[in-house]
Amino acid sequence: MISTDKQLHLLITSVADLDQAKTLAKLLVNSKLAACVQCYPQVSSIYLWKGEICEDQEVILHIKCLKKHMPKLEKLIENHHPYDTPELIALPIDQSSEPYLDWIKTSTQP
């Protein structure tokens, strides 16, 4: 059964390497603010920073969480992220399977 309960969010950020990604991912899951973090290594990022075009290899993190945890997640990421201006993009998930949503809820209980 598909749930349209819009509690589930996907938070996206990026870091410079896989070690940083794993450290941040474990911190988020251990804190029970995220149920799962997927790390996608070797992403080429081209961006404008301080007036210059930059190109770097990064790791993208997809963080599965509940909307109610977003303020704490944002603060934790900002406090432990290696970048001065971390990417933080939150996308509401309009639909998910009920068992998956239940798993997220159970995994993020204090």
PDB file of N, CA and C in Angstrom:
ATOM      1  N   MET A   1       0.840  -1.174   0.000  1.00  0.00           N
ATOM      2  CA  MET A   1       0.000   0.000   0.000  1.00  0.00           C
ATOM      3  C   MET A   1       0.893   1.247   0.000  1.00  0.00           C
ATOM      4  N   ILE A   2       0.552   2.209  -0.803  1.00  0.00           N
ATOM      5  CA  ILE A   2       1.311   3.458  -0.900  1.00  0.00           C
ATOM      6  C   ILE A   2       0.707   4.480   0.049  1.00  0.00           C
ATOM      7  N   SER A   3       1.574   5.118   0.825  1.00  0.00           N
ATOM      8  CA  SER A   3       1.153   6.152   1.755  1.00  0.00           C
ATOM      9  C   SER A   3       1.393   7.520   1.123  1.00  0.00           C
ATOM     10  N   THR A   4       0.453   8.429   1.325  1.00  0.00           N
ATOM     11  CA  THR A   4       0.637   9.812   0.876  1.00  0.00           C
ATOM     12  C   THR A   4       0.881  10.728   2.068  1.00  0.00           C
ATOM     13  N   ASP A   5       1.200  10.130   3.200  1.00  0.00           N
ATOM     14  CA  ASP A   5       1.558  10.866   4.404  1.00  0.00           C
ATOM     15  C   ASP A   5       2.886  11.573   4.120  1.00  0.00           C
ATOM     16  N   LYS A   6       2.909  12.884   4.168  1.00  0.00           N
ATOM     17  CA  LYS A   6       4.078  13.647   3.724  1.00  0.00           C
ATOM     18  C   LYS A   6       5.060  13.942   4.852  1.00  0.00           C
ATOM     19  N   GLN A   7       5.265  12.980   5.747  1.00  0.00           N
ATOM     20  CA  GLN A   7       6.230  13.145   6.826  1.00  0.00           C
ATOM     21  C   GLN A   7       7.655  12.877   6.384  1.00  0.00           C
ATOM     22  N   LEU A   8       7.805  12.087   5.330  1.00  0.00           N
ATOM     23  CA  LEU A   8       9.121  11.633   4.882  1.00  0.00           C
ATOM     24  C   LEU A   8       9.786  12.679   3.994  1.00  0.00           C
ATOM     25  N   HIS A   9      11.081  12.932   4.257  1.00  0.00           N
ATOM     26  CA  HIS A   9      11.857  13.877   3.461  1.00  0.00           C
ATOM     27  C   HIS A   9      13.164  13.246   3.021  1.00  0.00           C
ATOM     28  N   LEU A  10      13.678  13.756   1.930  1.00  0.00           N
ATOM     29  CA  LEU A  10      15.001  13.405   1.447  1.00  0.00           C
ATOM     30  C   LEU A  10      15.842  14.666   1.557  1.00  0.00           C
ATOM     31  N   LEU A  11      16.882  14.603   2.370  1.00  0.00           N
ATOM     32  CA  LEU A  11      17.801  15.719   2.545  1.00  0.00           C
ATOM     33  C   LEU A  11      19.066  15.394   1.769  1.00  0.00           C
ATOM     34  N   ILE A  12      19.539  16.357   1.002  1.00  0.00           N
ATOM     35  CA  ILE A  12      20.714  16.148   0.158  1.00  0.00           C
ATOM     36  C   ILE A  12      21.824  17.102   0.598  1.00  0.00           C
ATOM     37  N   THR A  13      23.024  16.544   0.707  1.00  0.00           N
ATOM     38  CA  THR A  13      24.210  17.361   0.949  1.00  0.00           C
ATOM     39  C   THR A  13      25.376  16.704   0.214  1.00  0.00           C
ATOM     40  N   SER A  14      26.510  17.373   0.219  1.00  0.00           N
ATOM     41  CA  SER A  14      27.704  16.809  -0.420  1.00  0.00           C
ATOM     42  C   SER A  14      28.926  17.137   0.432  1.00  0.00           C
ATOM     43  N   VAL A  15      29.927  16.277   0.326  1.00  0.00           N
ATOM     44  CA  VAL A  15      31.204  16.460   1.021  1.00  0.00           C
ATOM     45  C   VAL A  15      32.328  16.113   0.054  1.00  0.00           C
ATOM     46  N   ALA A  16      33.560  16.363   0.480  1.00  0.00           N
ATOM     47  CA  ALA A  16      34.710  16.223  -0.410  1.00  0.00           C
ATOM     48  C   ALA A  16      35.137  14.781  -0.687  1.00  0.00           C
ATOM     49  N   ASP A  17      34.940  13.871   0.290  1.00  0.00           N
ATOM     50  CA  ASP A  17      35.424  12.510   0.063  1.00  0.00           C
ATOM     51  C   ASP A  17      34.579  11.488   0.832  1.00  0.00           C
ATOM     52  N   LEU A  18      34.836  10.226   0.545  1.00  0.00           N
ATOM     53  CA  LEU A  18      34.040   9.141   1.116  1.00  0.00           C
ATOM     54  C   LEU A  18      34.221   9.023   2.627  1.00  0.00           C
ATOM     55  N   ASP A  19      35.414   9.280   3.138  1.00  0.00           N
ATOM     56  CA  ASP A  19      35.623   9.224   4.594  1.00  0.00           C
ATOM     57  C   ASP A  19      34.753  10.258   5.303  1.00  0.00           C
ATOM     58  N   GLN A  20      34.717  11.485   4.774  1.00  0.00           N
ATOM     59  CA  GLN A  20      33.854  12.523   5.357  1.00  0.00           C
ATOM     60  C   GLN A  20      32.388  12.108   5.272  1.00  0.00           C
ATOM     61  N   ALA A  21      32.006  11.526   4.141  1.00  0.00           N
ATOM     62  CA  ALA A  21      30.615  11.101   3.945  1.00  0.00           C
ATOM     63  C   ALA A  21      30.218  10.037   4.963  1.00  0.00           C
ATOM     64  N   LYS A  22      31.076   9.050   5.144  1.00  0.00           N
ATOM     65  CA  LYS A  22      30.768   7.968   6.092  1.00  0.00           C
ATOM     66  C   LYS A  22      30.716   8.484   7.523  1.00  0.00           C
ATOM     67  N   THR A  23      31.619   9.378   7.864  1.00  0.00           N
ATOM     68  CA  THR A  23      31.613   9.949   9.216  1.00  0.00           C
ATOM     69  C   THR A  23      30.305  10.694   9.474  1.00  0.00           C
ATOM     70  N   LEU A  24      29.906  11.538   8.541  1.00  0.00           N
ATOM     71  CA  LEU A  24      28.672  12.299   8.696  1.00  0.00           C
ATOM     72  C   LEU A  24      27.457  11.373   8.684  1.00  0.00           C
ATOM     73  N   ALA A  25      27.446  10.390   7.793  1.00  0.00           N
ATOM     74  CA  ALA A  25      26.323   9.450   7.705  1.00  0.00           C
ATOM     75  C   ALA A  25      26.142   8.678   9.012  1.00  0.00           C
ATOM     76  N   LYS A  26      27.232   8.184   9.571  1.00  0.00           N
ATOM     77  CA  LYS A  26      27.144   7.436  10.832  1.00  0.00           C
ATOM     78  C   LYS A  26      26.671   8.321  11.974  1.00  0.00           C
ATOM     79  N   LEU A  27      27.110   9.558  11.992  1.00  0.00           N
ATOM     80  CA  LEU A  27      26.665  10.499  13.010  1.00  0.00           C
ATOM     81  C   LEU A  27      25.152  10.732  12.908  1.00  0.00           C
ATOM     82  N   LEU A  28      24.644  10.888  11.698  1.00  0.00           N
ATOM     83  CA  LEU A  28      23.215  11.124  11.496  1.00  0.00           C
ATOM     84  C   LEU A  28      22.366   9.918  11.876  1.00  0.00           C
ATOM     85  N   VAL A  29      22.826   8.730  11.511  1.00  0.00           N
ATOM     86  CA  VAL A  29      22.073   7.511  11.833  1.00  0.00           C
ATOM     87  C   VAL A  29      22.179   7.206  13.320  1.00  0.00           C
ATOM     88  N   ASN A  30      23.373   7.337  13.905  1.00  0.00           N
ATOM     89  CA  ASN A  30      23.539   7.092  15.339  1.00  0.00           C
ATOM     90  C   ASN A  30      22.727   8.051  16.195  1.00  0.00           C
ATOM     91  N   SER A  31      22.512   9.254  15.689  1.00  0.00           N
ATOM     92  CA  SER A  31      21.729  10.247  16.431  1.00  0.00           C
ATOM     93  C   SER A  31      20.227   9.978  16.325  1.00  0.00           C
ATOM     94  N   LYS A  32      19.863   9.024  15.470  1.00  0.00           N
ATOM     95  CA  LYS A  32      18.463   8.656  15.207  1.00  0.00           C
ATOM     96  C   LYS A  32      17.669   9.798  14.573  1.00  0.00           C
ATOM     97  N   LEU A  33      18.367  10.685  13.882  1.00  0.00           N
ATOM     98  CA  LEU A  33      17.697  11.739  13.121  1.00  0.00           C
ATOM     99  C   LEU A  33      17.477  11.311  11.676  1.00  0.00           C
ATOM    100  N   ALA A  34      18.233  10.317  11.233  1.00  0.00           N
ATOM    101  CA  ALA A  34      18.086   9.759   9.887  1.00  0.00           C
ATOM    102  C   ALA A  34      18.029   8.243  10.000  1.00  0.00           C
ATOM    103  N   ALA A  35      17.205   7.637   9.175  1.00  0.00           N
ATOM    104  CA  ALA A  35      17.107   6.177   9.173  1.00  0.00           C
ATOM    105  C   ALA A  35      18.145   5.562   8.244  1.00  0.00           C
ATOM    106  N   CYS A  36      18.496   6.295   7.202  1.00  0.00           N
ATOM    107  CA  CYS A  36      19.401   5.763   6.190  1.00  0.00           C
ATOM    108  C   CYS A  36      20.086   6.928   5.493  1.00  0.00           C
ATOM    109  N   VAL A  37      21.371   6.745   5.185  1.00  0.00           N
ATOM    110  CA  VAL A  37      22.107   7.720   4.392  1.00  0.00           C
ATOM    111  C   VAL A  37      22.830   6.953   3.296  1.00  0.00           C
ATOM    112  N   GLN A  38      22.559   7.307   2.073  1.00  0.00           N
ATOM    113  CA  GLN A  38      23.252   6.699   0.944  1.00  0.00           C
ATOM    114  C   GLN A  38      24.335   7.653   0.473  1.00  0.00           C
ATOM    115  N   CYS A  39      25.521   7.114   0.209  1.00  0.00           N
ATOM    116  CA  CYS A  39      26.663   7.916  -0.223  1.00  0.00           C
ATOM    117  C   CYS A  39      26.999   7.552  -1.669  1.00  0.00           C
ATOM    118  N   TYR A  40      26.982   8.544  -2.529  1.00  0.00           N
ATOM    119  CA  TYR A  40      27.269   8.363  -3.949  1.00  0.00           C
ATOM    120  C   TYR A  40      28.615   9.016  -4.264  1.00  0.00           C
ATOM    121  N   PRO A  41      29.684   8.225  -4.342  1.00  0.00           N
ATOM    122  CA  PRO A  41      31.016   8.806  -4.561  1.00  0.00           C
ATOM    123  C   PRO A  41      31.259   9.180  -6.025  1.00  0.00           C
ATOM    124  N   GLN A  42      32.337   9.936  -6.198  1.00  0.00           N
ATOM    125  CA  GLN A  42      32.846  10.294  -7.526  1.00  0.00           C
ATOM    126  C   GLN A  42      31.849  11.079  -8.381  1.00  0.00           C
ATOM    127  N   VAL A  43      31.254  12.092  -7.784  1.00  0.00           N
ATOM    128  CA  VAL A  43      30.373  12.986  -8.509  1.00  0.00           C
ATOM    129  C   VAL A  43      31.192  14.214  -8.894  1.00  0.00           C
ATOM    130  N   SER A  44      31.136  14.598 -10.152  1.00  0.00           N
ATOM    131  CA  SER A  44      31.832  15.811 -10.588  1.00  0.00           C
ATOM    132  C   SER A  44      30.919  17.005 -10.351  1.00  0.00           C
ATOM    133  N   SER A  45      31.391  17.943  -9.549  1.00  0.00           N
ATOM    134  CA  SER A  45      30.627  19.156  -9.265  1.00  0.00           C
ATOM    135  C   SER A  45      31.334  20.347  -9.896  1.00  0.00           C
ATOM    136  N   ILE A  46      30.585  21.097 -10.675  1.00  0.00           N
ATOM    137  CA  ILE A  46      31.078  22.332 -11.273  1.00  0.00           C
ATOM    138  C   ILE A  46      30.190  23.430 -10.726  1.00  0.00           C
ATOM    139  N   TYR A  47      30.821  24.431 -10.090  1.00  0.00           N
ATOM    140  CA  TYR A  47      30.042  25.434  -9.383  1.00  0.00           C
ATOM    141  C   TYR A  47      30.775  26.769  -9.337  1.00  0.00           C
ATOM    142  N   LEU A  48      30.023  27.799  -9.061  1.00  0.00           N
ATOM    143  CA  LEU A  48      30.581  29.136  -8.918  1.00  0.00           C
ATOM    144  C   LEU A  48      30.800  29.395  -7.439  1.00  0.00           C
ATOM    145  N   TRP A  49      32.034  29.721  -7.057  1.00  0.00           N
ATOM    146  CA  TRP A  49      32.351  29.998  -5.652  1.00  0.00           C
ATOM    147  C   TRP A  49      33.267  31.221  -5.586  1.00  0.00           C
ATOM    148  N   LYS A  50      32.796  32.243  -4.919  1.00  0.00           N
ATOM    149  CA  LYS A  50      33.548  33.493  -4.743  1.00  0.00           C
ATOM    150  C   LYS A  50      34.029  34.045  -6.078  1.00  0.00           C
ATOM    151  N   GLY A  51      33.129  34.012  -7.060  1.00  0.00           N
ATOM    152  CA  GLY A  51      33.411  34.595  -8.364  1.00  0.00           C
ATOM    153  C   GLY A  51      34.204  33.734  -9.323  1.00  0.00           C
ATOM    154  N   GLU A  52      34.562  32.529  -8.916  1.00  0.00           N
ATOM    155  CA  GLU A  52      35.345  31.641  -9.780  1.00  0.00           C
ATOM    156  C   GLU A  52      34.589  30.346 -10.050  1.00  0.00           C
ATOM    157  N   ILE A  53      34.762  29.813 -11.249  1.00  0.00           N
ATOM    158  CA  ILE A  53      34.192  28.511 -11.569  1.00  0.00           C
ATOM    159  C   ILE A  53      35.149  27.447 -11.041  1.00  0.00           C
ATOM    160  N   CYS A  54      34.605  26.560 -10.230  1.00  0.00           N
ATOM    161  CA  CYS A  54      35.391  25.488  -9.616  1.00  0.00           C
ATOM    162  C   CYS A  54      34.889  24.140 -10.112  1.00  0.00           C
ATOM    163  N   GLU A  55      35.772  23.158 -10.078  1.00  0.00           N
ATOM    164  CA  GLU A  55      35.403  21.788 -10.429  1.00  0.00           C
ATOM    165  C   GLU A  55      36.075  20.851  -9.433  1.00  0.00           C
ATOM    166  N   ASP A  56      35.247  20.039  -8.760  1.00  0.00           N
ATOM    167  CA  ASP A  56      35.757  19.119  -7.750  1.00  0.00           C
ATOM    168  C   ASP A  56      35.028  17.784  -7.821  1.00  0.00           C
ATOM    169  N   GLN A  57      35.684  16.766  -7.301  1.00  0.00           N
ATOM    170  CA  GLN A  57      35.033  15.477  -7.092  1.00  0.00           C
ATOM    171  C   GLN A  57      34.419  15.513  -5.697  1.00  0.00           C
ATOM    172  N   GLU A  58      33.182  15.078  -5.575  1.00  0.00           N
ATOM    173  CA  GLU A  58      32.498  15.087  -4.297  1.00  0.00           C
ATOM    174  C   GLU A  58      31.742  13.778  -4.102  1.00  0.00           C
ATOM    175  N   VAL A  59      31.208  13.644  -2.895  1.00  0.00           N
ATOM    176  CA  VAL A  59      30.324  12.526  -2.555  1.00  0.00           C
ATOM    177  C   VAL A  59      28.985  13.143  -2.182  1.00  0.00           C
ATOM    178  N   ILE A  60      27.927  12.658  -2.812  1.00  0.00           N
ATOM    179  CA  ILE A  60      26.571  13.125  -2.522  1.00  0.00           C
ATOM    180  C   ILE A  60      25.964  12.218  -1.464  1.00  0.00           C
ATOM    181  N   LEU A  61      25.302  12.819  -0.477  1.00  0.00           N
ATOM    182  CA  LEU A  61      24.600  12.059   0.554  1.00  0.00           C
ATOM    183  C   LEU A  61      23.098  12.265   0.397  1.00  0.00           C
ATOM    184  N   HIS A  62      22.367  11.175   0.331  1.00  0.00           N
ATOM    185  CA  HIS A  62      20.899  11.191   0.352  1.00  0.00           C
ATOM    186  C   HIS A  62      20.488  10.707   1.739  1.00  0.00           C
ATOM    187  N   ILE A  63      19.859  11.592   2.480  1.00  0.00           N
ATOM    188  CA  ILE A  63      19.512  11.336   3.869  1.00  0.00           C
ATOM    189  C   ILE A  63      18.006  11.165   3.973  1.00  0.00           C
ATOM    190  N   LYS A  64      17.552   9.981   4.423  1.00  0.00           N
ATOM    191  CA  LYS A  64      16.125   9.715   4.582  1.00  0.00           C
ATOM    192  C   LYS A  64      15.739  10.019   6.019  1.00  0.00           C
ATOM    193  N   CYS A  65      14.765  10.920   6.169  1.00  0.00           N
ATOM    194  CA  CYS A  65      14.426  11.401   7.503  1.00  0.00           C
ATOM    195  C   CYS A  65      12.958  11.825   7.555  1.00  0.00           C
ATOM    196  N   LEU A  66      12.532  12.183   8.752  1.00  0.00           N
ATOM    197  CA  LEU A  66      11.187  12.711   8.943  1.00  0.00           C
ATOM    198  C   LEU A  66      11.244  14.235   8.990  1.00  0.00           C
ATOM    199  N   LYS A  67      10.205  14.849   8.490  1.00  0.00           N
ATOM    200  CA  LYS A  67      10.138  16.306   8.453  1.00  0.00           C
ATOM    201  C   LYS A  67      10.345  16.909   9.842  1.00  0.00           C
ATOM    202  N   LYS A  68       9.790  16.278  10.866  1.00  0.00           N
ATOM    203  CA  LYS A  68       9.884  16.835  12.218  1.00  0.00           C
ATOM    204  C   LYS A  68      11.321  16.905  12.733  1.00  0.00           C
ATOM    205  N   HIS A  69      12.223  16.120  12.144  1.00  0.00           N
ATOM    206  CA  HIS A  69      13.628  16.126  12.568  1.00  0.00           C
ATOM    207  C   HIS A  69      14.498  17.128  11.797  1.00  0.00           C
ATOM    208  N   MET A  70      13.923  17.803  10.822  1.00  0.00           N
ATOM    209  CA  MET A  70      14.712  18.684   9.962  1.00  0.00           C
ATOM    210  C   MET A  70      15.480  19.764  10.728  1.00  0.00           C
ATOM    211  N   PRO A  71      14.885  20.470  11.691  1.00  0.00           N
ATOM    212  CA  PRO A  71      15.679  21.499  12.395  1.00  0.00           C
ATOM    213  C   PRO A  71      16.909  20.930  13.105  1.00  0.00           C
ATOM    214  N   LYS A  72      16.759  19.787  13.779  1.00  0.00           N
ATOM    215  CA  LYS A  72      17.904  19.170  14.459  1.00  0.00           C
ATOM    216  C   LYS A  72      18.931  18.645  13.460  1.00  0.00           C
ATOM    217  N   LEU A  73      18.452  18.076  12.353  1.00  0.00           N
ATOM    218  CA  LEU A  73      19.358  17.586  11.305  1.00  0.00           C
ATOM    219  C   LEU A  73      20.179  18.728  10.727  1.00  0.00           C
ATOM    220  N   GLU A  74      19.511  19.821  10.422  1.00  0.00           N
ATOM    221  CA  GLU A  74      20.196  20.967   9.852  1.00  0.00           C
ATOM    222  C   GLU A  74      21.288  21.478  10.798  1.00  0.00           C
ATOM    223  N   LYS A  75      20.962  21.588  12.072  1.00  0.00           N
ATOM    224  CA  LYS A  75      21.939  22.068  13.049  1.00  0.00           C
ATOM    225  C   LYS A  75      23.118  21.095  13.175  1.00  0.00           C
ATOM    226  N   LEU A  76      22.823  19.797  13.259  1.00  0.00           N
ATOM    227  CA  LEU A  76      23.885  18.796  13.377  1.00  0.00           C
ATOM    228  C   LEU A  76      24.796  18.832  12.154  1.00  0.00           C
ATOM    229  N   ILE A  77      24.208  18.906  10.967  1.00  0.00           N
ATOM    230  CA  ILE A  77      25.016  18.940   9.745  1.00  0.00           C
ATOM    231  C   ILE A  77      25.873  20.206   9.709  1.00  0.00           C
ATOM    232  N   GLU A  78      25.279  21.341  10.012  1.00  0.00           N
ATOM    233  CA  GLU A  78      26.051  22.588   9.999  1.00  0.00           C
ATOM    234  C   GLU A  78      27.207  22.547  11.002  1.00  0.00           C
ATOM    235  N   ASN A  79      27.005  21.898  12.147  1.00  0.00           N
ATOM    236  CA  ASN A  79      28.049  21.821  13.171  1.00  0.00           C
ATOM    237  C   ASN A  79      29.160  20.831  12.827  1.00  0.00           C
ATOM    238  N   HIS A  80      28.890  19.839  11.976  1.00  0.00           N
ATOM    239  CA  HIS A  80      29.876  18.791  11.690  1.00  0.00           C
ATOM    240  C   HIS A  80      30.299  18.731  10.221  1.00  0.00           C
ATOM    241  N   HIS A  81      29.756  19.590   9.407  1.00  0.00           N
ATOM    242  CA  HIS A  81      30.062  19.561   7.976  1.00  0.00           C
ATOM    243  C   HIS A  81      31.407  20.233   7.713  1.00  0.00           C
ATOM    244  N   PRO A  82      32.221  19.679   6.828  1.00  0.00           N
ATOM    245  CA  PRO A  82      33.540  20.254   6.576  1.00  0.00           C
ATOM    246  C   PRO A  82      33.511  21.540   5.735  1.00  0.00           C
ATOM    247  N   TYR A  83      32.415  21.847   5.069  1.00  0.00           N
ATOM    248  CA  TYR A  83      32.353  23.037   4.214  1.00  0.00           C
ATOM    249  C   TYR A  83      31.866  24.252   4.999  1.00  0.00           C
ATOM    250  N   ASP A  84      32.302  25.422   4.587  1.00  0.00           N
ATOM    251  CA  ASP A  84      31.816  26.671   5.187  1.00  0.00           C
ATOM    252  C   ASP A  84      30.330  26.883   4.892  1.00  0.00           C
ATOM    253  N   THR A  85      29.926  26.532   3.678  1.00  0.00           N
ATOM    254  CA  THR A  85      28.536  26.680   3.259  1.00  0.00           C
ATOM    255  C   THR A  85      28.049  25.337   2.719  1.00  0.00           C
ATOM    256  N   PRO A  86      27.572  24.458   3.615  1.00  0.00           N
ATOM    257  CA  PRO A  86      27.144  23.136   3.141  1.00  0.00           C
ATOM    258  C   PRO A  86      25.851  23.211   2.329  1.00  0.00           C
ATOM    259  N   GLU A  87      25.799  22.362   1.334  1.00  0.00           N
ATOM    260  CA  GLU A  87      24.567  22.186   0.563  1.00  0.00           C
ATOM    261  C   GLU A  87      23.562  21.484   1.473  1.00  0.00           C
ATOM    262  N   LEU A  88      22.388  22.064   1.610  1.00  0.00           N
ATOM    263  CA  LEU A  88      21.295  21.435   2.353  1.00  0.00           C
ATOM    264  C   LEU A  88      20.020  21.649   1.557  1.00  0.00           C
ATOM    265  N   ILE A  89      19.581  20.609   0.884  1.00  0.00           N
ATOM    266  CA  ILE A  89      18.368  20.664   0.075  1.00  0.00           C
ATOM    267  C   ILE A  89      17.424  19.604   0.603  1.00  0.00           C
ATOM    268  N   ALA A  90      16.235  20.022   1.002  1.00  0.00           N
ATOM    269  CA  ALA A  90      15.240  19.084   1.519  1.00  0.00           C
ATOM    270  C   ALA A  90      14.104  18.945   0.508  1.00  0.00           C
ATOM    271  N   LEU A  91      13.794  17.702   0.179  1.00  0.00           N
ATOM    272  CA  LEU A  91      12.700  17.416  -0.745  1.00  0.00           C
ATOM    273  C   LEU A  91      11.649  16.579  -0.034  1.00  0.00           C
ATOM    274  N   PRO A  92      10.405  17.055   0.004  1.00  0.00           N
ATOM    275  CA  PRO A  92       9.363  16.215   0.585  1.00  0.00           C
ATOM    276  C   PRO A  92       9.080  15.037  -0.350  1.00  0.00           C
ATOM    277  N   ILE A  93       8.851  13.898   0.229  1.00  0.00           N
ATOM    278  CA  ILE A  93       8.512  12.714  -0.559  1.00  0.00           C
ATOM    279  C   ILE A  93       6.994  12.564  -0.514  1.00  0.00           C
ATOM    280  N   ASP A  94       6.362  12.753  -1.667  1.00  0.00           N
ATOM    281  CA  ASP A  94       4.897  12.745  -1.732  1.00  0.00           C
ATOM    282  C   ASP A  94       4.302  11.373  -1.474  1.00  0.00           C
ATOM    283  N   GLN A  95       5.011  10.342  -1.892  1.00  0.00           N
ATOM    284  CA  GLN A  95       4.483   8.990  -1.722  1.00  0.00           C
ATOM    285  C   GLN A  95       5.612   8.030  -1.392  1.00  0.00           C
ATOM    286  N   SER A  96       5.294   7.064  -0.547  1.00  0.00           N
ATOM    287  CA  SER A  96       6.226   5.984  -0.245  1.00  0.00           C
ATOM    288  C   SER A  96       5.399   4.794   0.211  1.00  0.00           C
ATOM    289  N   SER A  97       6.012   3.634   0.228  1.00  0.00           N
ATOM    290  CA  SER A  97       5.276   2.475   0.732  1.00  0.00           C
ATOM    291  C   SER A  97       5.081   2.659   2.239  1.00  0.00           C
ATOM    292  N   GLU A  98       3.968   2.197   2.728  1.00  0.00           N
ATOM    293  CA  GLU A  98       3.701   2.307   4.169  1.00  0.00           C
ATOM    294  C   GLU A  98       4.747   1.572   4.998  1.00  0.00           C
ATOM    295  N   PRO A  99       5.163   0.356   4.599  1.00  0.00           N
ATOM    296  CA  PRO A  99       6.205  -0.315   5.396  1.00  0.00           C
ATOM    297  C   PRO A  99       7.508   0.489   5.453  1.00  0.00           C
ATOM    298  N   TYR A 100       7.864   1.145   4.362  1.00  0.00           N
ATOM    299  CA  TYR A 100       9.093   1.943   4.358  1.00  0.00           C
ATOM    300  C   TYR A 100       8.943   3.144   5.292  1.00  0.00           C
ATOM    301  N   LEU A 101       7.822   3.830   5.218  1.00  0.00           N
ATOM    302  CA  LEU A 101       7.563   4.960   6.107  1.00  0.00           C
ATOM    303  C   LEU A 101       7.574   4.508   7.562  1.00  0.00           C
ATOM    304  N   ASP A 102       6.970   3.365   7.834  1.00  0.00           N
ATOM    305  CA  ASP A 102       6.972   2.828   9.203  1.00  0.00           C
ATOM    306  C   ASP A 102       8.393   2.530   9.676  1.00  0.00           C
ATOM    307  N   TRP A 103       9.228   1.993   8.774  1.00  0.00           N
ATOM    308  CA  TRP A 103      10.618   1.704   9.116  1.00  0.00           C
ATOM    309  C   TRP A 103      11.374   2.991   9.456  1.00  0.00           C
ATOM    310  N   ILE A 104      11.151   4.048   8.661  1.00  0.00           N
ATOM    311  CA  ILE A 104      11.793   5.342   8.928  1.00  0.00           C
ATOM    312  C   ILE A 104      11.361   5.838  10.315  1.00  0.00           C
ATOM    313  N   LYS A 105      10.070   5.771  10.595  1.00  0.00           N
ATOM    314  CA  LYS A 105       9.565   6.238  11.889  1.00  0.00           C
ATOM    315  C   LYS A 105      10.188   5.449  13.044  1.00  0.00           C
ATOM    316  N   THR A 106      10.232   4.130  12.906  1.00  0.00           N
ATOM    317  CA  THR A 106      10.790   3.269  13.958  1.00  0.00           C
ATOM    318  C   THR A 106      12.291   3.524  14.127  1.00  0.00           C
ATOM    319  N   SER A 107      12.996   3.705  13.022  1.00  0.00           N
ATOM    320  CA  SER A 107      14.449   3.884  13.086  1.00  0.00           C
ATOM    321  C   SER A 107      14.873   5.232  13.636  1.00  0.00           C
ATOM    322  N   THR A 108      13.962   6.185  13.670  1.00  0.00           N
ATOM    323  CA  THR A 108      14.318   7.526  14.148  1.00  0.00           C
ATOM    324  C   THR A 108      13.664   7.847  15.488  1.00  0.00           C
ATOM    325  N   GLN A 109      13.265   6.811  16.204  1.00  0.00           N
ATOM    326  CA  GLN A 109      12.732   7.015  17.560  1.00  0.00           C
ATOM    327  C   GLN A 109      13.889   7.168  18.540  1.00  0.00           C
ATOM    328  N   PRO A 110      13.802   8.148  19.438  1.00  0.00           N
ATOM    329  CA  PRO A 110      14.891   8.302  20.424  1.00  0.00           C
ATOM    330  C   PRO A 110      14.959   7.143  21.402  1.00  0.00           C
TER     331      PRO A 110
END
